[in-house]
């Protein structure tokens, strides 16, 4: 390949839609750091504490955090070597099974397609902090925020990148301030009761007996999955990133610390500042769901306008998540169309590198928030958000498990073909244990979640749900009766259809791609001369304080 500017690198061997490599390293770093901070953490996480207790919620987030670390690094290895658009369908197709790629691609697209109305519904609910539903209905807010987001994504990937860069900075600053102020309040600053210690850990895990405690912890995992959704987005943005070998590993490297600080730290602070039976944390309380526990914490501190500012930040987070949803939807649908799994017309790309038709289809799902909020009445936005967020949780978990399995096959196939690990631009740590742990967590947690859902629906009568499988149960467990059949049905249905058409037998569609048949060349990124020189300069720079000190000493000598 001839040297070209990074923005114009042709990164597919076959004739495919050409996107533009305009996402810089700073964009990817901010998307990785702040792009995952959304309403799952800032609005919905209180429900995990209410259900499982502060310690139970911490356990949920820590366990899922371990899975996220393995998934993010695995995707980082594959996306750096093969930075192709629509990685969540293309990579499983290439390294595992075409039917799994089909199911994974559509699952991932639907996951983000539903995230868009979920986040817009969350915005509508958060706006009631200032403007009551009786004054402005939720669907109006959803529509108001959808229009500018559509405009941003029509500009091109650079418009998406710049908006995410700014919004991520705002979210990161807000979370850091919250952690600092929350820690100060925990130690007694500004309060009349002195240091709080762990007095609000009463009980640490919700439940009248060990079995109920186990079920309650299991029930909080859906919230944890939803909160961590988006941590894998860097793998998708690699298809439009400049200098992939520099930008993607740089964005992936801090995953562990981001999980520890932003997620585990935030859940811990909320848990020590609010008792688990607080109505602010109750996801079924109409008065509490309109605000985030993060907003409430600021309101009790007494800092003027602090709660209003934090509510604004959470709205910014929801807008950011909706922006990411539009981007991820359009790119995933583009890949599905290019692979023949969706109408080919959706693979068209304009001069700016924007798949306009795929974008239009994805944007149409934003209207679900508008219609749903209008049809469901005064509290429609909250109901839409609750139903969609539960369904999205399963989609996130399924996508992660597929990518962990794909990475196992990718690495084993890479070695089987006699290739050297040292030739990989980025090597995921703890292979294969991180992938095996991710698959184990996904499988075990899914069983726990199913136990909680059906036990709650059949045997436990509550004030909100006094009868078997009431409306509240259907809102809170949409993933059970929609998500599971959808994911399984897509895979099995496509595999049977493929097998019937192949002439090799009905079950041939379930056959795994053989290691020797795996394609490691199509879509492999080739650096430009400018990028090679830039990466060489970066490699020559000292890493860490010790190396910097040695460099300074050697210069003086």
Protein backbone atom coordinates (compact mmCIF):
# COMPACT_ATOMS: atom_id res chain seq x y z
CA UNK A 1 0.00 0.00 0.00
CA UNK A 2 1.35 3.44 -0.87
CA UNK A 3 1.87 5.94 1.91
CA UNK A 4 -1.09 8.22 2.33
CA UNK A 5 -2.38 10.61 4.87
CA UNK A 6 -3.86 8.85 7.90
CA UNK A 7 -7.30 10.21 7.13
CA UNK A 8 -7.30 8.55 3.70
CA UNK A 9 -5.78 5.13 4.43
CA UNK A 10 -7.58 2.36 2.57
CA UNK A 11 -7.92 -0.32 5.19
CA UNK A 12 -9.84 -3.09 3.43
CA UNK A 13 -8.41 -5.31 0.73
CA UNK A 14 -11.81 -6.22 -0.66
CA UNK A 15 -14.20 -3.72 -2.25
CA UNK A 16 -16.13 -2.38 0.75
CA UNK A 17 -17.56 0.90 2.00
CA UNK A 18 -14.75 3.30 2.83
CA UNK A 19 -15.01 5.18 6.10
CA UNK A 20 -12.61 7.98 7.06
CA UNK A 21 -9.85 7.59 9.63
CA UNK A 22 -10.36 10.89 11.43
CA UNK A 23 -10.53 9.83 15.08
CA UNK A 24 -7.32 10.92 16.79
CA UNK A 25 -5.67 9.38 19.85
CA UNK A 26 -7.18 12.06 22.12
CA UNK A 27 -10.67 11.19 20.88
CA UNK A 28 -10.22 7.48 21.58
CA UNK A 29 -8.73 8.11 25.02
CA UNK A 30 -11.66 10.29 26.05
CA UNK A 31 -14.18 7.85 24.58
CA UNK A 32 -12.51 5.08 26.57
CA UNK A 33 -12.28 7.10 29.79
CA UNK A 34 -15.50 9.07 29.83
CA UNK A 35 -17.59 7.49 27.11
CA UNK A 36 -18.67 4.68 29.44
CA UNK A 37 -19.92 7.00 32.18
CA UNK A 38 -23.65 7.23 31.52
CA UNK A 39 -27.04 6.89 33.11
CA UNK A 40 -26.31 3.27 34.04
CA UNK A 41 -23.85 4.51 36.64
CA UNK A 42 -25.19 7.98 37.40
CA UNK A 43 -28.95 7.26 37.47
CA UNK A 44 -29.65 3.54 37.62
CA UNK A 45 -26.87 2.35 39.97
CA UNK A 46 -28.88 3.35 43.04
CA UNK A 47 -31.27 0.52 42.20
CA UNK A 48 -28.44 -2.00 42.61
CA UNK A 49 -27.75 -0.73 46.14
CA UNK A 50 -31.47 -0.77 46.96
CA UNK A 51 -31.81 -4.37 45.71
CA UNK A 52 -28.57 -5.93 46.91
CA UNK A 53 -27.35 -3.56 49.62
CA UNK A 54 -24.11 -1.51 49.49
CA UNK A 55 -21.77 -4.49 49.84
CA UNK A 56 -23.86 -6.63 47.50
CA UNK A 57 -23.78 -3.88 44.84
CA UNK A 58 -20.02 -3.54 45.25
CA UNK A 59 -19.63 -7.28 44.69
CA UNK A 60 -21.75 -7.08 41.52
CA UNK A 61 -19.76 -4.19 40.09
CA UNK A 62 -16.41 -5.75 41.04
CA UNK A 63 -17.29 -9.08 39.38
CA UNK A 64 -18.54 -7.43 36.19
CA UNK A 65 -15.52 -5.11 36.30
CA UNK A 66 -13.24 -8.15 36.10
CA UNK A 67 -15.15 -9.34 33.05
CA UNK A 68 -14.97 -5.90 31.44
CA UNK A 69 -11.19 -5.77 31.87
CA UNK A 70 -10.78 -9.08 30.05
CA UNK A 71 -13.21 -8.11 27.29
CA UNK A 72 -11.68 -4.66 26.70
CA UNK A 73 -8.13 -5.96 26.42
CA UNK A 74 -9.21 -8.85 24.17
CA UNK A 75 -11.03 -6.52 21.81
CA UNK A 76 -8.02 -4.19 21.92
CA UNK A 77 -5.73 -6.95 20.63
CA UNK A 78 -8.01 -7.89 17.74
CA UNK A 79 -9.04 -4.34 16.82
CA UNK A 80 -5.45 -3.09 16.73
CA UNK A 81 -4.39 -5.87 14.36
CA UNK A 82 -7.61 -5.84 12.29
CA UNK A 83 -9.23 -2.39 12.73
CA UNK A 84 -12.32 -3.12 10.66
CA UNK A 85 -15.69 -1.44 10.99
CA UNK A 86 -18.44 -3.51 12.56
CA UNK A 87 -16.03 -5.63 14.61
CA UNK A 88 -18.84 -7.27 16.60
CA UNK A 89 -20.15 -9.05 13.54
CA UNK A 90 -17.06 -9.26 11.32
CA UNK A 91 -14.66 -10.79 13.86
CA UNK A 92 -16.94 -13.60 15.14
CA UNK A 93 -17.81 -14.41 11.52
CA UNK A 94 -14.17 -14.72 10.61
CA UNK A 95 -12.83 -16.57 13.63
CA UNK A 96 -15.74 -18.53 15.14
CA UNK A 97 -18.80 -19.11 12.97
CA UNK A 98 -20.70 -17.03 10.37
CA UNK A 99 -24.02 -17.59 12.13
CA UNK A 100 -22.55 -16.40 15.42
CA UNK A 101 -21.28 -13.31 13.61
CA UNK A 102 -24.77 -12.73 12.21
CA UNK A 103 -26.40 -13.09 15.64
CA UNK A 104 -23.70 -11.04 17.37
CA UNK A 105 -23.94 -8.23 14.83
CA UNK A 106 -27.70 -7.92 15.04
CA UNK A 107 -27.63 -8.27 18.83
CA UNK A 108 -25.03 -5.50 19.08
CA UNK A 109 -26.95 -3.28 16.69
CA UNK A 110 -30.21 -3.81 18.56
CA UNK A 111 -28.43 -3.22 21.86
CA UNK A 112 -27.33 0.26 20.76
CA UNK A 113 -30.56 0.90 18.84
CA UNK A 114 -32.46 0.44 22.12
CA UNK A 115 -29.86 2.40 24.08
CA UNK A 116 -30.77 5.50 22.11
CA UNK A 117 -34.44 5.64 23.24
CA UNK A 118 -33.41 4.48 26.74
CA UNK A 119 -31.03 7.41 27.15
CA UNK A 120 -33.49 9.89 25.65
CA UNK A 121 -36.12 8.61 28.08
CA UNK A 122 -33.64 9.05 30.93
CA UNK A 123 -33.06 12.66 29.85
CA UNK A 124 -36.81 13.28 29.92
CA UNK A 125 -37.01 11.87 33.45
CA UNK A 126 -34.05 13.94 34.65
CA UNK A 127 -35.56 17.13 33.25
CA UNK A 128 -38.39 16.82 35.78
CA UNK A 129 -35.84 17.93 38.41
CA UNK A 130 -36.47 21.43 37.02
CA UNK A 131 -39.66 21.17 34.95
CA UNK A 132 -42.54 18.98 36.19
CA UNK A 133 -44.24 16.51 33.85
CA UNK A 134 -47.45 18.51 34.12
CA UNK A 135 -45.70 21.45 32.43
CA UNK A 136 -43.69 19.68 29.73
CA UNK A 137 -44.31 16.04 28.85
CA UNK A 138 -41.37 13.67 28.56
CA UNK A 139 -41.72 12.93 24.85
CA UNK A 140 -41.11 16.60 24.06
CA UNK A 141 -37.73 16.50 25.82
CA UNK A 142 -36.78 13.28 24.02
CA UNK A 143 -37.53 14.79 20.63
CA UNK A 144 -35.78 18.05 21.50
CA UNK A 145 -32.50 16.30 22.30
CA UNK A 146 -32.71 13.82 19.40
CA UNK A 147 -32.60 16.48 16.67
CA UNK A 148 -29.15 18.01 17.44
CA UNK A 149 -27.66 14.55 18.00
CA UNK A 150 -28.78 13.56 14.53
CA UNK A 151 -27.09 16.68 13.13
CA UNK A 152 -23.79 15.92 14.86
CA UNK A 153 -23.61 12.40 13.43
CA UNK A 154 -24.45 13.61 9.93
CA UNK A 155 -21.35 15.82 9.91
CA UNK A 156 -18.96 12.89 10.01
CA UNK A 157 -16.92 10.86 12.44
CA UNK A 158 -14.84 13.91 13.37
CA UNK A 159 -18.02 15.65 14.57
CA UNK A 160 -18.88 12.62 16.70
CA UNK A 161 -15.32 12.52 18.05
CA UNK A 162 -15.19 16.19 19.02
CA UNK A 163 -18.57 16.09 20.77
CA UNK A 164 -17.60 12.97 22.72
CA UNK A 165 -14.26 14.56 23.62
CA UNK A 166 -15.94 17.59 25.21
CA UNK A 167 -18.76 15.66 26.89
CA UNK A 168 -16.33 13.10 28.31
CA UNK A 169 -14.20 15.82 29.88
CA UNK A 170 -17.30 17.25 31.59
CA UNK A 171 -18.28 13.83 32.95
CA UNK A 172 -14.80 13.01 34.21
CA UNK A 173 -14.48 16.32 36.03
CA UNK A 174 -17.92 15.87 37.61
CA UNK A 175 -17.19 12.32 38.80
CA UNK A 176 -13.85 13.36 40.30
CA UNK A 177 -15.52 16.27 42.15
CA UNK A 178 -18.26 13.93 43.37
CA UNK A 179 -15.71 11.44 44.68
CA UNK A 180 -13.78 14.18 46.48
CA UNK A 181 -16.87 15.82 48.03
CA UNK A 182 -18.47 12.46 48.81
CA UNK A 183 -15.32 11.30 50.58
CA UNK A 184 -15.21 14.52 52.60
CA UNK A 185 -18.86 14.08 53.65
CA UNK A 186 -18.15 10.45 54.58
CA UNK A 187 -15.43 11.65 56.93
CA UNK A 188 -17.83 14.18 58.50
CA UNK A 189 -17.25 17.41 56.58
CA UNK A 190 -20.26 19.72 56.58
CA UNK A 191 -22.44 17.36 58.61
CA UNK A 192 -23.80 17.41 62.14
CA UNK A 193 -23.40 13.70 62.80
CA UNK A 194 -19.62 13.46 62.42
CA UNK A 195 -17.91 10.74 60.34
CA UNK A 196 -20.45 8.35 58.87
CA UNK A 197 -18.20 5.31 58.82
CA UNK A 198 -20.22 2.29 57.76
CA UNK A 199 -23.41 3.07 59.69
CA UNK A 200 -25.38 3.13 56.42
CA UNK A 201 -24.27 -0.42 55.68
CA UNK A 202 -27.28 -1.64 57.55
CA UNK A 203 -27.56 -4.26 56.25
CA UNK A 204 -24.48 -4.67 54.01
CA UNK A 205 -26.42 -7.14 51.85
CA UNK A 206 -30.20 -6.92 51.55
CA UNK A 207 -32.20 -10.03 52.43
CA UNK A 208 -33.86 -11.74 55.39
CA UNK A 209 -31.72 -14.90 55.08
CA UNK A 210 -28.70 -16.11 53.07
CA UNK A 211 -30.86 -17.45 50.24
CA UNK A 212 -32.69 -14.11 49.83
CA UNK A 213 -29.39 -12.25 50.03
CA UNK A 214 -28.04 -14.44 47.23
CA UNK A 215 -31.14 -13.76 45.09
CA UNK A 216 -30.95 -10.02 45.70
CA UNK A 217 -27.30 -9.87 44.68
CA UNK A 218 -28.16 -11.88 41.57
CA UNK A 219 -30.93 -9.42 40.76
CA UNK A 220 -28.54 -6.47 40.81
CA UNK A 221 -26.34 -7.82 38.04
CA UNK A 222 -28.58 -6.46 35.28
CA UNK A 223 -27.92 -2.95 36.57
CA UNK A 224 -24.16 -3.62 36.64
CA UNK A 225 -24.20 -4.87 33.04
CA UNK A 226 -26.12 -1.79 31.90
CA UNK A 227 -23.75 0.51 33.79
CA UNK A 228 -20.64 -0.95 32.15
CA UNK A 229 -22.16 -0.93 28.66
CA UNK A 230 -20.00 0.97 26.20
CA UNK A 231 -16.62 -0.03 27.63
CA UNK A 232 -16.11 -2.07 24.46
CA UNK A 233 -16.80 0.87 22.10
CA UNK A 234 -13.11 1.49 21.41
CA UNK A 235 -13.11 -1.75 19.42
CA UNK A 236 -15.75 -0.29 17.11
CA UNK A 237 -14.09 3.13 16.76
CA UNK A 238 -10.84 1.45 15.66
CA UNK A 239 -12.35 1.22 12.19
CA UNK A 240 -12.16 5.01 11.89
CA UNK A 241 -9.12 5.76 14.03
CA UNK A 242 -5.95 7.33 12.69
CA UNK A 243 -2.69 5.55 13.58
CA UNK A 244 -4.44 2.56 15.12
CA UNK A 245 -1.26 1.03 16.53
CA UNK A 246 -0.78 4.07 18.71
CA UNK A 247 -4.31 5.23 19.55
CA UNK A 248 -6.12 1.98 20.39
CA UNK A 249 -3.57 0.49 22.85
CA UNK A 250 -3.27 3.90 24.50
CA UNK A 251 -7.03 4.00 25.02
CA UNK A 252 -7.20 0.41 26.30
CA UNK A 253 -4.30 0.53 28.77
CA UNK A 254 -6.08 2.42 31.54
CA UNK A 255 -9.17 0.19 31.63
CA UNK A 256 -8.42 -1.35 35.03
CA UNK A 257 -7.92 2.01 36.76
CA UNK A 258 -11.03 3.52 35.15
CA UNK A 259 -13.14 0.65 36.47
CA UNK A 260 -11.60 0.93 39.93
CA UNK A 261 -11.93 4.70 40.27
CA UNK A 262 -15.09 5.63 38.41
CA UNK A 263 -17.30 2.58 38.98
CA UNK A 264 -16.17 0.89 42.18
CA UNK A 265 -15.31 4.23 43.80
CA UNK A 266 -18.67 5.82 42.93
CA UNK A 267 -20.74 2.85 44.09
CA UNK A 268 -18.80 2.74 47.36
CA UNK A 269 -19.36 6.45 48.07
CA UNK A 270 -23.10 6.31 47.32
CA UNK A 271 -23.37 3.19 49.52
CA UNK A 272 -21.75 4.82 52.56
CA UNK A 273 -23.70 8.08 52.21
CA UNK A 274 -27.21 6.65 51.73
CA UNK A 275 -28.88 3.74 53.57
CA UNK A 276 -29.98 0.90 51.27
CA UNK A 277 -33.66 1.44 52.15
CA UNK A 278 -33.58 5.09 51.01
CA UNK A 279 -36.45 5.90 48.68
CA UNK A 280 -33.99 7.83 46.53
CA UNK A 281 -32.42 4.49 45.63
CA UNK A 282 -35.73 2.72 45.04
CA UNK A 283 -36.13 2.19 41.26
CA UNK A 284 -39.90 1.71 41.68
CA UNK A 285 -40.45 4.94 43.60
CA UNK A 286 -41.94 7.58 41.25
CA UNK A 287 -40.60 10.36 43.46
CA UNK A 288 -37.09 8.92 43.57
CA UNK A 289 -36.55 7.77 40.01
CA UNK A 290 -36.77 11.32 38.66
CA UNK A 291 -33.41 12.08 40.25
CA UNK A 292 -30.08 10.36 40.57
CA UNK A 293 -28.56 9.34 43.93
CA UNK A 294 -25.58 11.43 42.82
CA UNK A 295 -27.83 14.50 42.61
CA UNK A 296 -29.37 13.75 45.98
CA UNK A 297 -25.96 13.49 47.63
CA UNK A 298 -25.11 16.97 46.40
CA UNK A 299 -28.47 18.31 47.57
CA UNK A 300 -27.84 17.21 51.17
CA UNK A 301 -24.34 18.70 51.21
CA UNK A 302 -25.78 22.20 51.10
CA UNK A 303 -23.54 23.63 48.38
CA UNK A 304 -25.62 26.18 46.43
CA UNK A 305 -26.74 24.90 43.03
CA UNK A 306 -24.49 21.82 43.35
CA UNK A 307 -27.42 19.43 42.87
CA UNK A 308 -28.60 21.36 39.82
CA UNK A 309 -25.12 21.22 38.31
CA UNK A 310 -24.85 17.49 38.94
CA UNK A 311 -28.26 16.87 37.39
CA UNK A 312 -27.07 18.80 34.35
CA UNK A 313 -23.94 16.65 34.21
CA UNK A 314 -26.04 13.47 34.26
CA UNK A 315 -28.10 14.83 31.38
CA UNK A 316 -24.80 15.47 29.57
CA UNK A 317 -23.86 11.84 30.29
CA UNK A 318 -27.16 10.62 28.82
CA UNK A 319 -26.65 12.78 25.72
CA UNK A 320 -23.14 11.37 25.35
CA UNK A 321 -24.45 7.80 25.60
CA UNK A 322 -27.16 8.59 23.03
CA UNK A 323 -24.50 10.06 20.73
CA UNK A 324 -22.41 6.89 21.07
CA UNK A 325 -25.51 4.79 20.40
CA UNK A 326 -26.20 6.56 17.11
CA UNK A 327 -22.58 6.11 16.02
CA UNK A 328 -22.39 2.42 17.02
CA UNK A 329 -25.76 1.64 15.43
CA UNK A 330 -24.91 3.12 12.05
CA UNK A 331 -21.46 1.47 11.83
CA UNK A 332 -22.70 -1.94 12.91
CA UNK A 333 -25.58 -1.81 10.44
CA UNK A 334 -23.13 -0.74 7.72
CA UNK A 335 -21.04 -3.86 8.34
CA UNK A 336 -24.11 -6.12 8.40
CA UNK A 337 -25.18 -4.70 5.04
CA UNK A 338 -21.68 -5.10 3.57
CA UNK A 339 -21.66 -8.74 4.66
CA UNK A 340 -25.07 -9.44 3.16
CA UNK A 341 -26.85 -9.75 6.51
CA UNK A 342 -28.89 -6.57 5.88
CA UNK A 343 -30.13 -4.82 2.70
CA UNK A 344 -27.10 -3.80 0.62
CA UNK A 345 -28.42 -0.27 0.17
CA UNK A 346 -27.57 0.39 3.84
CA UNK A 347 -23.86 -0.03 3.03
CA UNK A 348 -23.72 3.21 1.03
CA UNK A 349 -21.37 5.88 2.37
CA UNK A 350 -21.27 9.56 1.36
CA UNK A 351 -18.18 11.67 0.65
CA UNK A 352 -17.78 12.49 4.35
CA UNK A 353 -17.60 8.79 5.20
CA UNK A 354 -21.06 8.74 6.80
CA UNK A 355 -23.40 5.79 6.14
CA UNK A 356 -26.45 8.04 5.81
CA UNK A 357 -29.08 5.37 5.20
CA UNK A 358 -27.81 3.20 8.05
CA UNK A 359 -27.75 6.33 10.19
CA UNK A 360 -31.36 7.20 9.26
CA UNK A 361 -32.58 3.70 10.21
CA UNK A 362 -30.74 3.88 13.53
CA UNK A 363 -32.08 7.35 14.30
CA UNK A 364 -35.62 6.13 13.75
CA UNK A 365 -35.28 4.08 16.92
CA UNK A 366 -34.97 7.33 18.85
CA UNK A 367 -38.63 7.83 18.10
CA UNK A 368 -39.35 4.84 20.38
CA UNK A 369 -38.61 7.16 23.30
CA UNK A 370 -40.96 9.78 21.91
CA UNK A 371 -43.84 7.39 21.16
CA UNK A 372 -43.30 5.28 24.28
CA UNK A 373 -43.21 8.28 26.59
CA UNK A 374 -46.37 9.67 25.03
CA UNK A 375 -48.27 6.36 25.08
CA UNK A 376 -47.28 5.36 28.63
CA UNK A 377 -48.70 8.47 30.26
CA UNK A 378 -47.25 10.90 32.84
CA UNK A 379 -44.47 8.54 33.99
CA UNK A 380 -43.92 7.12 30.52
CA UNK A 381 -40.26 8.15 30.24
CA UNK A 382 -39.34 6.29 33.42
CA UNK A 383 -41.22 3.16 32.31
CA UNK A 384 -39.58 3.18 28.88
CA UNK A 385 -36.15 3.64 30.46
CA UNK A 386 -36.72 0.79 32.93
CA UNK A 387 -37.99 -1.67 30.33
CA UNK A 388 -35.28 -0.91 27.76
CA UNK A 389 -32.38 -0.85 30.22
CA UNK A 390 -33.20 -4.37 31.40
CA UNK A 391 -33.34 -5.66 27.82
CA UNK A 392 -30.08 -3.92 26.94
CA UNK A 393 -28.31 -5.55 29.90
CA UNK A 394 -28.58 -9.01 28.35
CA UNK A 395 -27.44 -7.73 24.97
CA UNK A 396 -24.33 -6.25 26.54
CA UNK A 397 -23.47 -9.47 28.35
CA UNK A 398 -24.03 -11.56 25.20
CA UNK A 399 -21.80 -9.25 23.13
CA UNK A 400 -18.99 -9.50 25.68
CA UNK A 401 -19.18 -13.30 25.84
CA UNK A 402 -19.08 -13.58 22.05
CA UNK A 403 -16.00 -11.35 21.85
CA UNK A 404 -14.22 -13.32 24.58
CA UNK A 405 -14.86 -16.56 22.66
CA UNK A 406 -13.76 -14.83 19.45
CA UNK A 407 -10.49 -13.75 21.05
CA UNK A 408 -9.75 -17.28 22.21
CA UNK A 409 -10.22 -18.55 18.67
CA UNK A 410 -8.32 -15.57 17.21
CA UNK A 411 -5.22 -16.18 19.33
CA UNK A 412 -5.22 -19.97 18.90
CA UNK A 413 -5.68 -19.61 15.13
CA UNK A 414 -2.96 -16.97 14.94
CA UNK A 415 -0.46 -19.30 16.63
CA UNK A 416 -1.66 -22.34 14.65
CA UNK A 417 -0.77 -20.55 11.42
CA UNK A 418 2.80 -20.05 12.64
CA UNK A 419 2.53 -16.32 13.26
CA UNK A 420 4.55 -14.60 15.99
CA UNK A 421 2.92 -12.93 18.98
CA UNK A 422 5.57 -10.25 18.81
CA UNK A 423 4.06 -9.11 15.50
CA UNK A 424 0.80 -8.16 17.21
CA UNK A 425 0.67 -4.38 17.85
CA UNK A 426 -1.03 -4.99 21.20
CA UNK A 427 -1.02 -8.23 23.24
CA UNK A 428 -3.89 -8.76 25.70
CA UNK A 429 -2.59 -9.77 29.14
CA UNK A 430 -3.56 -12.92 31.05
CA UNK A 431 -4.45 -14.99 27.98
CA UNK A 432 -6.35 -17.34 28.02
CA UNK A 433 -7.43 -16.89 31.63
CA UNK A 434 -9.07 -13.48 31.10
CA UNK A 435 -11.25 -14.86 28.30
CA UNK A 436 -12.15 -18.00 30.23
CA UNK A 437 -13.01 -15.87 33.28
CA UNK A 438 -15.19 -13.59 31.14
CA UNK A 439 -17.10 -16.55 29.68
CA UNK A 440 -17.47 -18.13 33.12
CA UNK A 441 -18.77 -14.92 34.70
CA UNK A 442 -21.25 -14.41 31.86
CA UNK A 443 -22.60 -17.95 32.07
CA UNK A 444 -22.83 -18.19 35.86
CA UNK A 445 -24.28 -14.70 36.31
CA UNK A 446 -26.93 -15.37 33.66
CA UNK A 447 -28.05 -18.45 35.61
CA UNK A 448 -28.17 -16.39 38.81
CA UNK A 449 -30.21 -13.68 37.10
CA UNK A 450 -32.70 -16.23 35.77
CA UNK A 451 -33.10 -17.72 39.24
CA UNK A 452 -33.82 -14.29 40.71
CA UNK A 453 -36.28 -13.35 37.96
CA UNK A 454 -38.42 -16.49 38.10
CA UNK A 455 -38.29 -16.84 41.87
CA UNK A 456 -39.42 -13.23 42.21
CA UNK A 457 -42.12 -13.71 39.59
CA UNK A 458 -43.55 -16.92 41.07
CA UNK A 459 -42.96 -17.02 44.80
CA UNK A 460 -42.42 -13.51 46.15
CA UNK A 461 -45.37 -11.15 46.56
CA UNK A 462 -44.49 -7.49 47.07
CA UNK A 463 -46.44 -4.26 47.30
CA UNK A 464 -45.45 -3.41 43.71
CA UNK A 465 -46.11 -6.93 42.42
CA UNK A 466 -48.79 -8.71 44.52
CA UNK A 467 -49.63 -11.32 41.84
CA UNK A 468 -47.63 -13.74 39.73
CA UNK A 469 -45.79 -12.05 36.84
CA UNK A 470 -47.44 -8.65 37.24
CA UNK A 471 -46.76 -5.57 35.07
CA UNK A 472 -43.83 -4.51 37.28
CA UNK A 473 -42.21 -7.90 36.76
CA UNK A 474 -42.52 -7.57 32.99
CA UNK A 475 -40.93 -4.10 33.07
CA UNK A 476 -38.03 -5.22 35.25
CA UNK A 477 -37.34 -8.51 33.45
CA UNK A 478 -37.71 -7.70 29.77
CA UNK A 479 -34.40 -9.42 29.07
CA UNK A 480 -35.87 -12.80 30.10
CA UNK A 481 -38.78 -13.03 27.69
CA UNK A 482 -37.36 -10.83 24.89
CA UNK A 483 -33.56 -10.83 25.10
CA UNK A 484 -32.79 -14.53 25.60
CA UNK A 485 -35.12 -15.85 22.87
CA UNK A 486 -33.90 -13.16 20.46
CA UNK A 487 -30.17 -13.87 20.81
CA UNK A 488 -30.58 -17.65 20.77
CA UNK A 489 -33.12 -17.49 17.94
CA UNK A 490 -30.88 -15.36 15.70
CA UNK A 491 -27.98 -17.78 16.03
CA UNK A 492 -29.92 -21.04 15.74
CA UNK A 493 -32.20 -19.78 12.98
CA UNK A 494 -29.35 -18.48 10.82
CA UNK A 495 -27.26 -21.63 11.39
CA UNK A 496 -30.14 -23.91 10.36
CA UNK A 497 -30.92 -21.75 7.32
CA UNK A 498 -27.24 -21.72 6.27
CA UNK A 499 -26.96 -25.46 6.76
CA UNK A 500 -30.07 -26.15 4.69
CA UNK A 501 -28.72 -24.04 1.81
CA UNK A 502 -25.18 -25.40 1.91
CA UNK A 503 -26.00 -28.97 0.82
CA UNK A 504 -23.75 -30.27 3.60
CA UNK A 505 -26.48 -31.06 6.07
CA UNK A 506 -28.81 -29.07 8.28
CA UNK A 507 -26.32 -28.88 11.17
CA UNK A 508 -23.37 -27.77 9.04
CA UNK A 509 -24.25 -24.16 9.84
CA UNK A 510 -22.99 -24.72 13.39
CA UNK A 511 -19.50 -25.74 12.22
CA UNK A 512 -16.59 -23.68 13.59
CA UNK A 513 -14.13 -21.98 11.25
CA UNK A 514 -10.97 -24.10 11.14
CA UNK A 515 -7.77 -22.51 12.40
CA UNK A 516 -6.01 -23.02 9.05
CA UNK A 517 -8.90 -21.29 7.21
CA UNK A 518 -8.90 -18.14 9.36
CA UNK A 519 -8.19 -14.93 7.47
CA UNK A 520 -5.66 -12.69 9.21
CA UNK A 521 -4.86 -10.54 6.19
CA UNK A 522 -8.08 -8.96 4.94
CA UNK A 523 -8.46 -5.65 6.71
CA UNK A 524 -5.05 -5.79 8.39
CA UNK A 525 -3.90 -2.25 8.99
CA UNK A 526 -0.83 -1.05 7.11
CA UNK A 527 0.85 2.00 8.60
CA UNK A 528 1.75 5.02 6.53
CA UNK A 529 5.33 6.29 6.50
CA UNK A 530 4.28 9.20 8.72
CA UNK A 531 2.73 6.82 11.26
CA UNK A 532 5.78 4.57 11.28
CA UNK A 533 7.99 7.57 12.04
CA UNK A 534 5.58 8.82 14.72
CA UNK A 535 5.41 5.44 16.43
CA UNK A 536 9.20 5.13 16.33
CA UNK A 537 9.53 8.49 18.08
CA UNK A 538 7.01 7.42 20.72
CA UNK A 539 8.82 4.14 21.27
CA UNK A 540 12.08 6.02 21.83
CA UNK A 541 10.57 8.16 24.56
CA UNK A 542 11.37 7.03 28.11
CA UNK A 543 8.52 5.29 29.93
CA UNK A 544 7.98 5.97 33.63
CA UNK A 545 9.68 8.29 36.10
CA UNK A 546 12.80 6.13 36.45
CA UNK A 547 13.50 6.14 32.72
CA UNK A 548 12.87 9.86 32.50
CA UNK A 549 15.37 10.41 35.31
CA UNK A 550 17.97 8.27 33.53
CA UNK A 551 17.42 10.27 30.34
CA UNK A 552 17.95 13.54 32.18
CA UNK A 553 21.15 12.27 33.83
CA UNK A 554 22.55 11.00 30.53
CA UNK A 555 21.88 14.38 28.91
CA UNK A 556 23.82 16.17 31.64
CA UNK A 557 26.77 13.83 31.20
